[in-house]
Amino acid sequence: MKIGLGGGCHWCTEAVFQAIQGISQVDQGFVRSDPPEDAWSEAVVVTFDPVDLPLEVLIEIHLRTHSSTSRHKMRGKYRSAVYVYDAGTGVKVGRILRALQHQFDEPLVTSVMTLADFKPSDEQFRNYYAKGPERPFCKTYIDPKLALLRQQFARRLRPDRVEAAE
């Protein structure tokens, strides 16, 4: 199954979902939805096995690893969204978001949108964390997200990611 996830910087989102068991592919790039949300926004498209990684868990990880309750001024470039390919999945994602809302103190700003188009990032920016985890950006922004994964979702991490993080 494929789904798009947008929140913060796609370098961060890519690193988070590359660490999760049950995800076979993470494509980093830019997505757009239908008008009026048709401006390009940073996101990833993940391919996952819903048996190994239930959609509910995938979405909870997404909500916890970006500012899913913040209406900050960069929401055009960093749209908080779950991008779907069909209406049925959209309805299911909407139900999941409503069910998870009670776990957050503030209202979620995450939208469910149609994934109308995707364009990959330039090759030099793909696998950003994997190519240079020591970079200042990675230490400042990505490492805290991976630490949160180890704390709250350790059993969902790829075995090689759990050991590397300890």
Protein backbone atom coordinates (compact mmCIF):
# COMPACT_ATOMS: atom_id res chain seq x y z
CA MET A 1 0.00 0.00 0.00
CA LYS A 2 1.18 3.56 -0.71
CA ILE A 3 0.40 6.77 1.12
CA GLY A 4 1.89 10.26 1.20
CA LEU A 5 2.95 12.01 4.40
CA GLY A 6 3.70 15.71 4.73
CA GLY A 7 4.60 17.64 7.83
CA GLY A 8 7.96 19.22 8.30
CA CYS A 9 11.04 19.03 6.17
CA HIS A 10 11.02 15.98 3.91
CA TRP A 11 14.58 15.14 5.03
CA CYS A 12 13.19 14.58 8.53
CA THR A 13 10.11 12.70 7.34
CA GLU A 14 12.23 10.47 5.12
CA ALA A 15 14.61 9.57 7.98
CA VAL A 16 11.73 8.77 10.34
CA PHE A 17 9.99 6.39 7.96
CA GLN A 18 13.19 4.76 6.72
CA ALA A 19 13.65 3.62 10.33
CA ILE A 20 10.25 1.89 10.57
CA GLN A 21 9.76 -1.84 10.10
CA GLY A 22 7.07 -2.74 7.58
CA ILE A 23 7.98 0.08 5.18
CA SER A 24 9.63 -1.17 2.01
CA GLN A 25 10.22 2.17 0.26
CA VAL A 26 10.35 5.87 1.13
CA ASP A 27 10.33 8.33 -1.78
CA GLN A 28 11.28 11.86 -0.76
CA GLY A 29 10.04 14.78 -2.79
CA PHE A 30 7.21 17.19 -3.35
CA VAL A 31 3.48 16.53 -3.59
CA ARG A 32 0.45 18.50 -4.53
CA SER A 33 -3.21 17.90 -4.14
CA ASP A 34 -6.28 19.18 -5.91
CA PRO A 35 -7.01 22.94 -6.02
CA PRO A 36 -6.84 25.00 -3.91
CA GLU A 37 -4.08 22.85 -2.30
CA ASP A 38 -2.20 22.36 -5.57
CA ALA A 39 1.02 24.18 -4.62
CA TRP A 40 4.01 21.85 -4.18
CA SER A 41 4.72 20.87 -0.59
CA GLU A 42 7.52 18.76 0.90
CA ALA A 43 6.51 15.18 1.66
CA VAL A 44 7.35 11.51 1.29
CA VAL A 45 5.46 8.67 -0.31
CA VAL A 46 5.82 5.45 1.65
CA THR A 47 5.15 1.93 0.47
CA PHE A 48 4.24 -0.30 3.39
CA ASP A 49 2.69 -3.60 4.35
CA PRO A 50 -0.49 -2.85 6.34
CA VAL A 51 -0.25 -6.28 8.00
CA ASP A 52 3.22 -5.56 9.41
CA LEU A 53 2.49 -1.86 9.99
CA PRO A 54 -1.17 -1.01 10.48
CA LEU A 55 -2.28 2.29 8.95
CA GLU A 56 -3.30 3.50 12.42
CA VAL A 57 0.26 3.07 13.72
CA LEU A 58 1.79 4.67 10.63
CA ILE A 59 -0.40 7.74 11.05
CA GLU A 60 0.27 7.99 14.78
CA ILE A 61 4.02 7.92 14.10
CA HIS A 62 3.52 10.66 11.52
CA LEU A 63 1.54 12.84 13.92
CA ARG A 64 4.08 12.43 16.72
CA THR A 65 7.14 13.20 14.60
CA HIS A 66 6.12 16.60 13.22
CA SER A 67 4.24 19.66 14.50
CA SER A 68 0.81 18.21 13.75
CA THR A 69 -0.98 20.77 15.96
CA SER A 70 0.89 23.91 14.87
CA ARG A 71 -0.51 26.44 12.42
CA HIS A 72 2.94 27.95 11.80
CA LYS A 73 3.57 30.29 8.89
CA MET A 74 5.42 27.67 6.78
CA ARG A 75 2.36 25.41 6.32
CA GLY A 76 2.40 26.00 2.56
CA LYS A 77 5.85 24.48 2.14
CA TYR A 78 5.39 22.07 5.06
CA ARG A 79 1.73 21.11 4.81
CA SER A 80 0.60 18.75 7.59
CA ALA A 81 -1.22 16.12 5.61
CA VAL A 82 -1.85 12.50 4.80
CA TYR A 83 -2.09 12.14 1.02
CA VAL A 84 -4.24 9.31 -0.32
CA TYR A 85 -4.79 7.78 -3.74
CA ASP A 86 -8.48 6.90 -3.30
CA ALA A 87 -11.56 8.09 -1.45
CA GLY A 88 -11.93 4.90 0.59
CA THR A 89 -8.48 5.29 2.11
CA GLY A 90 -9.26 8.96 2.73
CA VAL A 91 -12.34 8.07 4.75
CA LYS A 92 -10.33 5.55 6.78
CA VAL A 93 -7.54 8.07 7.44
CA GLY A 94 -10.12 10.66 8.53
CA ARG A 95 -11.53 8.20 11.08
CA ILE A 96 -8.03 7.43 12.36
CA LEU A 97 -7.24 11.15 12.78
CA ARG A 98 -10.47 11.71 14.71
CA ALA A 99 -9.73 8.70 16.95
CA LEU A 100 -6.18 9.90 17.67
CA GLN A 101 -7.23 13.50 18.38
CA HIS A 102 -8.00 12.71 22.03
CA GLN A 103 -4.28 11.95 22.58
CA PHE A 104 -3.31 15.55 21.74
CA ASP A 105 -3.86 18.66 23.87
CA GLU A 106 -4.36 20.92 20.85
CA PRO A 107 -6.45 20.33 17.72
CA LEU A 108 -4.66 18.46 14.94
CA VAL A 109 -4.11 20.55 11.80
CA THR A 110 -3.34 17.48 9.69
CA SER A 111 -5.54 17.25 6.60
CA VAL A 112 -6.50 14.31 4.43
CA MET A 113 -5.82 15.18 0.81
CA THR A 114 -5.76 13.49 -2.57
CA LEU A 115 -2.24 12.85 -3.83
CA ALA A 116 -2.62 14.39 -7.27
CA ASP A 117 1.06 14.58 -8.25
CA PHE A 118 4.53 13.70 -6.94
CA LYS A 119 7.98 14.74 -8.06
CA PRO A 120 11.09 13.29 -6.41
CA SER A 121 13.77 15.44 -4.84
CA ASP A 122 17.06 15.82 -6.64
CA GLU A 123 19.26 12.75 -6.11
CA GLN A 124 21.73 14.75 -3.99
CA PHE A 125 19.04 15.34 -1.34
CA ARG A 126 17.59 11.81 -1.18
CA ASN A 127 18.60 9.61 1.76
CA TYR A 128 19.78 12.80 3.44
CA TYR A 129 20.18 11.41 6.95
CA ALA A 130 21.68 8.11 5.81
CA LYS A 131 24.34 9.98 3.80
CA GLY A 132 25.44 12.23 6.67
CA PRO A 133 23.92 11.73 10.12
CA GLU A 134 26.71 13.85 11.64
CA ARG A 135 25.59 17.01 9.80
CA PRO A 136 24.36 19.84 12.06
CA PHE A 137 20.86 19.73 10.50
CA CYS A 138 20.60 16.02 11.25
CA LYS A 139 21.81 16.43 14.83
CA THR A 140 19.46 19.34 15.49
CA TYR A 141 16.26 18.24 13.75
CA ILE A 142 16.34 14.56 12.84
CA ASP A 143 18.07 12.98 15.85
CA PRO A 144 15.33 14.19 18.27
CA LYS A 145 12.66 12.61 16.06
CA LEU A 146 14.57 9.33 15.99
CA ALA A 147 15.00 9.50 19.79
CA LEU A 148 11.22 9.87 20.09
CA LEU A 149 10.78 6.79 17.91
CA ARG A 150 13.11 4.81 20.16
CA GLN A 151 11.12 5.92 23.23
CA GLN A 152 7.57 5.54 21.96
CA PHE A 153 7.77 3.11 19.04
CA ALA A 154 10.85 0.94 19.71
CA ARG A 155 9.11 -2.28 18.69
CA ARG A 156 8.27 -0.72 15.30
CA LEU A 157 11.89 0.13 14.44
CA ARG A 158 13.94 -1.87 11.99
CA PRO A 159 16.30 -4.09 14.00
CA ASP A 160 19.38 -2.38 12.52
CA ARG A 161 18.03 1.02 13.63
CA VAL A 162 17.45 -0.04 17.25
CA GLU A 163 21.02 -1.27 17.64
CA ALA A 164 22.55 1.73 15.84
CA ALA A 165 20.71 4.10 18.14
CA GLU A 166 21.75 2.56 21.45
